Amino acid sequence: MILDRLMYPLYERYLRLQCRHVPNHIAIIQDGNRRYARLLGMDTSVGHRAGADKTEEMLDWAHELGIRHITLYSFSTENFNRDQEEVQELFTLFKDKFISMLTDERVRKYRIRIQMVGDRSLLPADLLKTIDDAEEATKNNTGFYLYVALAYGGRNEIVIAAREILGRVQNGEINPDAIDVRMVEQHLHGHKGIPPVDLIIRTGNECRTSNFLPWLASGHESAVYFCSPYWPLFRKVDLLRAIRTYDQRVSRDFS
């Protein structure tokens, strides 16, 4: 244990030396909260709260490393199929966290802008109110961008954008011949102008990207890093290992 405490900082510094290129936008699939709770013999809500605490810790690491954009896959459209008690617990947790962001020192210190991506029509009104408040309170921040994916599905996001574009065509606002990649991107994710994903990280030993930001990630051939720790056990060295994967890819592209 003492050896681990001595070696960990050295290994961290070693990894940082290997991360010459830092991604601008990281998207994280925070998997393993429920399995972490089961490992401890605890209720699933304990795992979800531990995962939320890890997210706050990770924001410090990301800011320190110079990452400007992070998207968190917090609740997918498929998650509505879970036990309704668990869904309600998650909504309560999300609500608490959005409220706490209004007074979180990190938000002021790092000038974090908070935005939600996903289908707002699927979320309860009280949760939407806290999201709106957090977005409004941070709308002028430009230091760090945090996108929280709630009620999110990649294919659903593209369908919503297609409907908007079709509506504009029907209203005579645009010519069908004018539809191109740039226009589609402008209509994705509520017109937020989210930059392409450079790196996807998935925890919990699951090797799939689960319909997450297909246009911004798969469409731009982002690097992908799968790791075994459950999200509450994710460490700074795991983040650095992921960035090293991105660095290796960028270095190959430049060679």
C-alpha atoms as a PDB file:
ATOM      1  CA  MET A   1       0.000   0.000   0.000  1.00  0.00           C
ATOM      2  CA  ILE A   2       2.837   2.373   0.882  1.00  0.00           C
ATOM      3  CA  LEU A   3       4.599   1.377  -2.335  1.00  0.00           C
ATOM      4  CA  ASP A   4       1.437   2.148  -4.307  1.00  0.00           C
ATOM      5  CA  ARG A   5       1.275   5.631  -2.791  1.00  0.00           C
ATOM      6  CA  LEU A   6       4.893   6.240  -3.755  1.00  0.00           C
ATOM      7  CA  MET A   7       4.631   4.830  -7.272  1.00  0.00           C
ATOM      8  CA  TYR A   8       1.286   6.354  -8.256  1.00  0.00           C
ATOM      9  CA  PRO A   9       2.568   9.977  -8.586  1.00  0.00           C
ATOM     10  CA  LEU A  10       5.552   8.758 -10.582  1.00  0.00           C
ATOM     11  CA  TYR A  11       3.340   6.770 -12.929  1.00  0.00           C
ATOM     12  CA  GLU A  12       1.025   9.753 -13.315  1.00  0.00           C
ATOM     13  CA  ARG A  13       3.936  11.987 -14.307  1.00  0.00           C
ATOM     14  CA  TYR A  14       5.150   9.330 -16.733  1.00  0.00           C
ATOM     15  CA  LEU A  15       1.740   9.213 -18.427  1.00  0.00           C
ATOM     16  CA  ARG A  16       1.534  12.999 -18.640  1.00  0.00           C
ATOM     17  CA  LEU A  17       4.815  13.060 -20.530  1.00  0.00           C
ATOM     18  CA  GLN A  18       3.251  10.715 -23.081  1.00  0.00           C
ATOM     19  CA  CYS A  19       0.195  12.942 -23.571  1.00  0.00           C
ATOM     20  CA  ARG A  20       1.646  15.525 -25.936  1.00  0.00           C
ATOM     21  CA  HIS A  21      -1.700  16.095 -27.675  1.00  0.00           C
ATOM     22  CA  VAL A  22      -4.681  16.829 -25.431  1.00  0.00           C
ATOM     23  CA  PRO A  23      -8.180  16.327 -26.890  1.00  0.00           C
ATOM     24  CA  ASN A  24     -10.452  19.334 -27.109  1.00  0.00           C
ATOM     25  CA  HIS A  25     -13.638  17.296 -26.589  1.00  0.00           C
ATOM     26  CA  ILE A  26     -13.982  14.116 -24.535  1.00  0.00           C
ATOM     27  CA  ALA A  27     -17.244  12.169 -24.324  1.00  0.00           C
ATOM     28  CA  ILE A  28     -17.618   9.776 -21.410  1.00  0.00           C
ATOM     29  CA  ILE A  29     -19.972   6.814 -21.012  1.00  0.00           C
ATOM     30  CA  GLN A  30     -20.086   6.526 -17.221  1.00  0.00           C
ATOM     31  CA  ASP A  31     -20.768   2.823 -16.881  1.00  0.00           C
ATOM     32  CA  GLY A  32     -20.697   0.610 -13.816  1.00  0.00           C
ATOM     33  CA  ASN A  33     -22.472   2.581 -11.083  1.00  0.00           C
ATOM     34  CA  ARG A  34     -24.984  -0.183 -10.409  1.00  0.00           C
ATOM     35  CA  ARG A  35     -22.364  -2.933 -10.498  1.00  0.00           C
ATOM     36  CA  TYR A  36     -20.226  -0.900  -8.093  1.00  0.00           C
ATOM     37  CA  ALA A  37     -23.146  -0.747  -5.673  1.00  0.00           C
ATOM     38  CA  ARG A  38     -23.737  -4.493  -5.987  1.00  0.00           C
ATOM     39  CA  LEU A  39     -20.036  -5.080  -5.328  1.00  0.00           C
ATOM     40  CA  LEU A  40     -20.468  -3.270  -2.021  1.00  0.00           C
ATOM     41  CA  GLY A  41     -23.781  -4.997  -1.286  1.00  0.00           C
ATOM     42  CA  MET A  42     -25.524  -1.620  -1.344  1.00  0.00           C
ATOM     43  CA  ASP A  43     -28.584  -0.137  -3.019  1.00  0.00           C
ATOM     44  CA  THR A  44     -28.156   1.095  -6.601  1.00  0.00           C
ATOM     45  CA  SER A  45     -28.711   4.692  -5.469  1.00  0.00           C
ATOM     46  CA  VAL A  46     -25.410   4.495  -3.581  1.00  0.00           C
ATOM     47  CA  GLY A  47     -23.629   3.642  -6.826  1.00  0.00           C
ATOM     48  CA  HIS A  48     -25.283   6.473  -8.728  1.00  0.00           C
ATOM     49  CA  ARG A  49     -24.340   9.020  -6.044  1.00  0.00           C
ATOM     50  CA  ALA A  50     -20.776   7.722  -5.964  1.00  0.00           C
ATOM     51  CA  GLY A  51     -20.677   8.120  -9.743  1.00  0.00           C
ATOM     52  CA  ALA A  52     -21.926  11.707  -9.476  1.00  0.00           C
ATOM     53  CA  ASP A  53     -19.181  12.477  -6.952  1.00  0.00           C
ATOM     54  CA  LYS A  54     -16.597  10.993  -9.315  1.00  0.00           C
ATOM     55  CA  THR A  55     -17.870  13.271 -12.080  1.00  0.00           C
ATOM     56  CA  GLU A  56     -17.149  16.324  -9.939  1.00  0.00           C
ATOM     57  CA  GLU A  57     -13.631  15.053  -9.226  1.00  0.00           C
ATOM     58  CA  MET A  58     -13.053  14.363 -12.912  1.00  0.00           C
ATOM     59  CA  LEU A  59     -13.889  17.982 -13.794  1.00  0.00           C
ATOM     60  CA  ASP A  60     -10.870  19.085 -11.765  1.00  0.00           C
ATOM     61  CA  TRP A  61      -8.616  16.687 -13.672  1.00  0.00           C
ATOM     62  CA  ALA A  62      -9.993  17.756 -17.041  1.00  0.00           C
ATOM     63  CA  HIS A  63      -9.496  21.434 -16.294  1.00  0.00           C
ATOM     64  CA  GLU A  64      -5.951  20.808 -15.089  1.00  0.00           C
ATOM     65  CA  LEU A  65      -5.121  18.949 -18.306  1.00  0.00           C
ATOM     66  CA  GLY A  66      -6.565  21.651 -20.573  1.00  0.00           C
ATOM     67  CA  ILE A  67      -9.632  19.822 -21.880  1.00  0.00           C
ATOM     68  CA  ARG A  68     -12.254  22.401 -22.934  1.00  0.00           C
ATOM     69  CA  HIS A  69     -15.339  20.298 -23.741  1.00  0.00           C
ATOM     70  CA  ILE A  70     -16.774  17.256 -21.938  1.00  0.00           C
ATOM     71  CA  THR A  71     -19.994  15.403 -22.709  1.00  0.00           C
ATOM     72  CA  LEU A  72     -21.315  12.992 -20.077  1.00  0.00           C
ATOM     73  CA  TYR A  73     -23.683  10.183 -21.104  1.00  0.00           C
ATOM     74  CA  SER A  74     -25.777  10.314 -17.950  1.00  0.00           C
ATOM     75  CA  PHE A  75     -29.149   8.870 -18.997  1.00  0.00           C
ATOM     76  CA  SER A  76     -30.072   7.325 -22.336  1.00  0.00           C
ATOM     77  CA  THR A  77     -33.488   6.926 -23.926  1.00  0.00           C
ATOM     78  CA  GLU A  78     -33.108   3.180 -23.241  1.00  0.00           C
ATOM     79  CA  ASN A  79     -32.697   3.861 -19.507  1.00  0.00           C
ATOM     80  CA  PHE A  80     -36.417   4.673 -19.294  1.00  0.00           C
ATOM     81  CA  ASN A  81     -36.926   0.896 -19.431  1.00  0.00           C
ATOM     82  CA  ARG A  82     -35.306   0.469 -16.022  1.00  0.00           C
ATOM     83  CA  ASP A  83     -37.274  -0.017 -12.821  1.00  0.00           C
ATOM     84  CA  GLN A  84     -39.326   3.149 -12.340  1.00  0.00           C
ATOM     85  CA  GLU A  85     -38.157   3.591  -8.762  1.00  0.00           C
ATOM     86  CA  GLU A  86     -34.552   3.702  -9.984  1.00  0.00           C
ATOM     87  CA  VAL A  87     -35.491   6.144 -12.771  1.00  0.00           C
ATOM     88  CA  GLN A  88     -37.099   8.472 -10.225  1.00  0.00           C
ATOM     89  CA  GLU A  89     -34.049   8.204  -7.967  1.00  0.00           C
ATOM     90  CA  LEU A  90     -31.854   9.194 -10.891  1.00  0.00           C
ATOM     91  CA  PHE A  91     -34.061  12.162 -11.763  1.00  0.00           C
ATOM     92  CA  THR A  92     -33.861  13.308  -8.139  1.00  0.00           C
ATOM     93  CA  LEU A  93     -30.066  12.953  -8.241  1.00  0.00           C
ATOM     94  CA  PHE A  94     -29.833  14.928 -11.491  1.00  0.00           C
ATOM     95  CA  LYS A  95     -32.044  17.620 -10.019  1.00  0.00           C
ATOM     96  CA  ASP A  96     -29.899  17.863  -6.886  1.00  0.00           C
ATOM     97  CA  LYS A  97     -26.708  18.098  -8.924  1.00  0.00           C
ATOM     98  CA  PHE A  98     -28.015  20.794 -11.275  1.00  0.00           C
ATOM     99  CA  ILE A  99     -29.137  22.806  -8.255  1.00  0.00           C
ATOM    100  CA  SER A 100     -25.748  22.378  -6.564  1.00  0.00           C
ATOM    101  CA  MET A 101     -24.009  23.608  -9.715  1.00  0.00           C
ATOM    102  CA  LEU A 102     -25.508  27.027  -9.101  1.00  0.00           C
ATOM    103  CA  THR A 103     -23.274  27.421  -6.042  1.00  0.00           C
ATOM    104  CA  ASP A 104     -20.420  25.057  -6.944  1.00  0.00           C
ATOM    105  CA  GLU A 105     -17.068  26.832  -6.658  1.00  0.00           C
ATOM    106  CA  ARG A 106     -15.786  24.929  -9.715  1.00  0.00           C
ATOM    107  CA  VAL A 107     -18.398  26.556 -11.925  1.00  0.00           C
ATOM    108  CA  ARG A 108     -17.220  30.028 -10.968  1.00  0.00           C
ATOM    109  CA  LYS A 109     -13.527  29.176 -10.797  1.00  0.00           C
ATOM    110  CA  TYR A 110     -13.337  27.350 -14.124  1.00  0.00           C
ATOM    111  CA  ARG A 111     -16.072  29.449 -15.798  1.00  0.00           C
ATOM    112  CA  ILE A 112     -18.035  26.319 -16.705  1.00  0.00           C
ATOM    113  CA  ARG A 113     -20.962  26.571 -19.076  1.00  0.00           C
ATOM    114  CA  ILE A 114     -23.523  23.828 -18.420  1.00  0.00           C
ATOM    115  CA  GLN A 115     -25.816  22.607 -21.180  1.00  0.00           C
ATOM    116  CA  MET A 116     -28.096  19.628 -21.614  1.00  0.00           C
ATOM    117  CA  VAL A 117     -28.297  17.551 -24.774  1.00  0.00           C
ATOM    118  CA  GLY A 118     -31.145  15.112 -25.348  1.00  0.00           C
ATOM    119  CA  ASP A 119     -34.912  15.019 -25.709  1.00  0.00           C
ATOM    120  CA  ARG A 120     -36.312  17.559 -23.242  1.00  0.00           C
ATOM    121  CA  SER A 121     -39.870  16.414 -23.943  1.00  0.00           C
ATOM    122  CA  LEU A 122     -39.133  13.152 -22.103  1.00  0.00           C
ATOM    123  CA  LEU A 123     -38.048  14.754 -18.815  1.00  0.00           C
ATOM    124  CA  PRO A 124     -40.270  15.846 -15.891  1.00  0.00           C
ATOM    125  CA  ALA A 125     -41.011  19.550 -15.487  1.00  0.00           C
ATOM    126  CA  ASP A 126     -39.237  19.982 -12.140  1.00  0.00           C
ATOM    127  CA  LEU A 127     -35.992  18.541 -13.511  1.00  0.00           C
ATOM    128  CA  LEU A 128     -36.263  20.708 -16.631  1.00  0.00           C
ATOM    129  CA  LYS A 129     -36.659  23.780 -14.425  1.00  0.00           C
ATOM    130  CA  THR A 130     -33.374  23.086 -12.620  1.00  0.00           C
ATOM    131  CA  ILE A 131     -31.644  22.430 -15.957  1.00  0.00           C
ATOM    132  CA  ASP A 132     -32.970  25.703 -17.373  1.00  0.00           C
ATOM    133  CA  ASP A 133     -31.752  27.561 -14.271  1.00  0.00           C
ATOM    134  CA  ALA A 134     -28.256  26.058 -14.541  1.00  0.00           C
ATOM    135  CA  GLU A 135     -28.042  26.822 -18.260  1.00  0.00           C
ATOM    136  CA  GLU A 136     -29.221  30.393 -17.750  1.00  0.00           C
ATOM    137  CA  ALA A 137     -26.853  31.025 -14.843  1.00  0.00           C
ATOM    138  CA  THR A 138     -23.808  29.820 -16.807  1.00  0.00           C
ATOM    139  CA  LYS A 139     -24.669  30.975 -20.322  1.00  0.00           C
ATOM    140  CA  ASN A 140     -21.919  33.623 -20.404  1.00  0.00           C
ATOM    141  CA  ASN A 141     -19.144  31.299 -19.189  1.00  0.00           C
ATOM    142  CA  THR A 142     -16.544  30.424 -21.795  1.00  0.00           C
ATOM    143  CA  GLY A 143     -13.759  28.690 -19.906  1.00  0.00           C
ATOM    144  CA  PHE A 144     -15.037  25.121 -19.939  1.00  0.00           C
ATOM    145  CA  TYR A 145     -18.073  23.482 -21.542  1.00  0.00           C
ATOM    146  CA  LEU A 146     -19.964  20.669 -19.827  1.00  0.00           C
ATOM    147  CA  TYR A 147     -22.700  18.915 -21.816  1.00  0.00           C
ATOM    148  CA  VAL A 148     -24.945  16.550 -19.864  1.00  0.00           C
ATOM    149  CA  ALA A 149     -26.679  13.969 -22.068  1.00  0.00           C
ATOM    150  CA  LEU A 150     -30.084  13.189 -20.571  1.00  0.00           C
ATOM    151  CA  ALA A 151     -32.882  11.283 -22.318  1.00  0.00           C
ATOM    152  CA  TYR A 152     -30.313  11.004 -25.066  1.00  0.00           C
ATOM    153  CA  GLY A 153     -30.094   8.634 -28.018  1.00  0.00           C
ATOM    154  CA  GLY A 154     -27.835   9.256 -30.985  1.00  0.00           C
ATOM    155  CA  ARG A 155     -30.278   8.084 -33.634  1.00  0.00           C
ATOM    156  CA  ASN A 156     -33.096   9.996 -31.959  1.00  0.00           C
ATOM    157  CA  GLU A 157     -30.955  13.139 -32.065  1.00  0.00           C
ATOM    158  CA  ILE A 158     -30.509  12.779 -35.828  1.00  0.00           C
ATOM    159  CA  VAL A 159     -34.249  12.163 -36.279  1.00  0.00           C
ATOM    160  CA  ILE A 160     -35.057  15.359 -34.346  1.00  0.00           C
ATOM    161  CA  ALA A 161     -32.639  17.345 -36.521  1.00  0.00           C
ATOM    162  CA  ALA A 162     -34.177  15.834 -39.688  1.00  0.00           C
ATOM    163  CA  ARG A 163     -37.664  16.866 -38.544  1.00  0.00           C
ATOM    164  CA  GLU A 164     -36.503  20.435 -37.945  1.00  0.00           C
ATOM    165  CA  ILE A 165     -34.872  20.660 -41.354  1.00  0.00           C
ATOM    166  CA  LEU A 166     -37.932  19.133 -43.050  1.00  0.00           C
ATOM    167  CA  GLY A 167     -40.144  21.658 -41.272  1.00  0.00           C
ATOM    168  CA  ARG A 168     -38.022  24.510 -42.563  1.00  0.00           C
ATOM    169  CA  VAL A 169     -38.213  23.089 -46.080  1.00  0.00           C
ATOM    170  CA  GLN A 170     -42.010  22.858 -45.856  1.00  0.00           C
ATOM    171  CA  ASN A 171     -42.160  26.454 -44.608  1.00  0.00           C
ATOM    172  CA  GLY A 172     -40.074  27.588 -47.562  1.00  0.00           C
ATOM    173  CA  GLU A 173     -37.196  28.749 -45.347  1.00  0.00           C
ATOM    174  CA  ILE A 174     -34.593  26.605 -47.093  1.00  0.00           C
ATOM    175  CA  ASN A 175     -34.159  24.887 -50.433  1.00  0.00           C
ATOM    176  CA  PRO A 176     -33.737  21.078 -50.253  1.00  0.00           C
ATOM    177  CA  ASP A 177     -30.660  21.428 -52.457  1.00  0.00           C
ATOM    178  CA  ALA A 178     -29.060  23.534 -49.717  1.00  0.00           C
ATOM    179  CA  ILE A 179     -29.091  20.670 -47.204  1.00  0.00           C
ATOM    180  CA  ASP A 180     -25.531  19.566 -46.530  1.00  0.00           C
ATOM    181  CA  VAL A 181     -23.366  18.228 -43.700  1.00  0.00           C
ATOM    182  CA  ARG A 182     -22.900  21.678 -42.176  1.00  0.00           C
ATOM    183  CA  MET A 183     -26.656  22.306 -42.044  1.00  0.00           C
ATOM    184  CA  VAL A 184     -27.330  18.985 -40.354  1.00  0.00           C
ATOM    185  CA  GLU A 185     -24.643  19.698 -37.767  1.00  0.00           C
ATOM    186  CA  GLN A 186     -26.209  23.085 -37.060  1.00  0.00           C
ATOM    187  CA  HIS A 187     -29.513  21.387 -36.192  1.00  0.00           C
ATOM    188  CA  LEU A 188     -28.045  18.713 -33.950  1.00  0.00           C
ATOM    189  CA  HIS A 189     -28.061  18.926 -30.151  1.00  0.00           C
ATOM    190  CA  GLY A 190     -30.421  21.874 -29.904  1.00  0.00           C
ATOM    191  CA  HIS A 191     -28.273  24.142 -32.107  1.00  0.00           C
ATOM    192  CA  LYS A 192     -25.540  24.244 -29.453  1.00  0.00           C
ATOM    193  CA  GLY A 193     -22.666  24.022 -31.915  1.00  0.00           C
ATOM    194  CA  ILE A 194     -20.906  21.254 -30.008  1.00  0.00           C
ATOM    195  CA  PRO A 195     -17.475  20.528 -31.539  1.00  0.00           C
ATOM    196  CA  PRO A 196     -16.503  17.101 -32.897  1.00  0.00           C
ATOM    197  CA  VAL A 197     -15.620  14.452 -30.330  1.00  0.00           C
ATOM    198  CA  ASP A 198     -11.900  13.643 -30.200  1.00  0.00           C
ATOM    199  CA  LEU A 199     -12.071  10.832 -27.653  1.00  0.00           C
ATOM    200  CA  ILE A 200     -14.769   8.554 -26.241  1.00  0.00           C
ATOM    201  CA  ILE A 201     -14.126   6.898 -22.889  1.00  0.00           C
ATOM    202  CA  ARG A 202     -16.264   4.033 -21.596  1.00  0.00           C
ATOM    203  CA  THR A 203     -15.779   2.585 -18.134  1.00  0.00           C
ATOM    204  CA  GLY A 204     -17.089  -0.648 -16.626  1.00  0.00           C
ATOM    205  CA  ASN A 205     -15.395  -3.072 -19.030  1.00  0.00           C
ATOM    206  CA  GLU A 206     -18.039  -2.627 -21.756  1.00  0.00           C
ATOM    207  CA  CYS A 207     -16.589  -2.423 -25.278  1.00  0.00           C
ATOM    208  CA  ARG A 208     -19.311  -0.585 -27.199  1.00  0.00           C
ATOM    209  CA  THR A 209     -20.229   3.045 -27.790  1.00  0.00           C
ATOM    210  CA  SER A 210     -23.997   2.576 -27.310  1.00  0.00           C
ATOM    211  CA  ASN A 211     -25.423   5.034 -29.807  1.00  0.00           C
ATOM    212  CA  PHE A 212     -23.511   7.916 -28.217  1.00  0.00           C
ATOM    213  CA  LEU A 213     -22.946  11.034 -30.351  1.00  0.00           C
ATOM    214  CA  PRO A 214     -22.723   9.055 -33.615  1.00  0.00           C
ATOM    215  CA  TRP A 215     -22.471  12.151 -35.807  1.00  0.00           C
ATOM    216  CA  LEU A 216     -19.839  13.947 -33.722  1.00  0.00           C
ATOM    217  CA  ALA A 217     -17.865  10.851 -32.691  1.00  0.00           C
ATOM    218  CA  SER A 218     -18.212   8.074 -35.261  1.00  0.00           C
ATOM    219  CA  GLY A 219     -18.674  10.585 -38.064  1.00  0.00           C
ATOM    220  CA  HIS A 220     -15.365  12.221 -37.150  1.00  0.00           C
ATOM    221  CA  GLU A 221     -13.584   8.921 -36.398  1.00  0.00           C
ATOM    222  CA  SER A 222     -12.803   9.771 -32.786  1.00  0.00           C
ATOM    223  CA  ALA A 223     -10.421   7.677 -30.726  1.00  0.00           C
ATOM    224  CA  VAL A 224     -12.111   5.237 -28.313  1.00  0.00           C
ATOM    225  CA  TYR A 225     -10.806   4.002 -24.969  1.00  0.00           C
ATOM    226  CA  PHE A 226     -12.480   1.184 -23.042  1.00  0.00           C
ATOM    227  CA  CYS A 227     -11.363   0.509 -19.468  1.00  0.00           C
ATOM    228  CA  SER A 228     -12.364  -1.912 -16.744  1.00  0.00           C
ATOM    229  CA  PRO A 229     -12.909   0.276 -13.616  1.00  0.00           C
ATOM    230  CA  TYR A 230     -16.515   1.018 -12.737  1.00  0.00           C
ATOM    231  CA  TRP A 231     -17.144   4.745 -13.051  1.00  0.00           C
ATOM    232  CA  PRO A 232     -16.985   5.442  -9.271  1.00  0.00           C
ATOM    233  CA  LEU A 233     -13.511   3.826  -9.274  1.00  0.00           C
ATOM    234  CA  PHE A 234     -12.205   5.775 -12.296  1.00  0.00           C
ATOM    235  CA  ARG A 235      -8.845   7.404 -11.548  1.00  0.00           C
ATOM    236  CA  LYS A 236      -6.786  10.223 -12.954  1.00  0.00           C
ATOM    237  CA  VAL A 237      -4.333   7.678 -14.398  1.00  0.00           C
ATOM    238  CA  ASP A 238      -7.258   6.091 -16.280  1.00  0.00           C
ATOM    239  CA  LEU A 239      -8.036   9.466 -17.826  1.00  0.00           C
ATOM    240  CA  LEU A 240      -4.372   9.904 -18.742  1.00  0.00           C
ATOM    241  CA  ARG A 241      -4.261   6.438 -20.305  1.00  0.00           C
ATOM    242  CA  ALA A 242      -7.270   7.391 -22.413  1.00  0.00           C
ATOM    243  CA  ILE A 243      -5.589  10.620 -23.504  1.00  0.00           C
ATOM    244  CA  ARG A 244      -2.466   8.626 -24.357  1.00  0.00           C
ATOM    245  CA  THR A 245      -4.607   6.537 -26.722  1.00  0.00           C
ATOM    246  CA  TYR A 246      -5.783   9.748 -28.383  1.00  0.00           C
ATOM    247  CA  ASP A 247      -2.213  11.046 -28.539  1.00  0.00           C
ATOM    248  CA  GLN A 248      -1.007   7.861 -30.220  1.00  0.00           C
ATOM    249  CA  ARG A 249      -3.673   8.196 -32.861  1.00  0.00           C
ATOM    250  CA  VAL A 250      -2.920  11.848 -33.549  1.00  0.00           C
ATOM    251  CA  SER A 251       0.791  11.088 -33.715  1.00  0.00           C
ATOM    252  CA  ARG A 252       0.161   8.357 -36.298  1.00  0.00           C
ATOM    253  CA  ASP A 253      -1.932  10.767 -38.383  1.00  0.00           C
ATOM    254  CA  PHE A 254       0.924  13.300 -38.354  1.00  0.00           C
ATOM    255  CA  SER A 255       3.623  10.759 -39.182  1.00  0.00           C
END
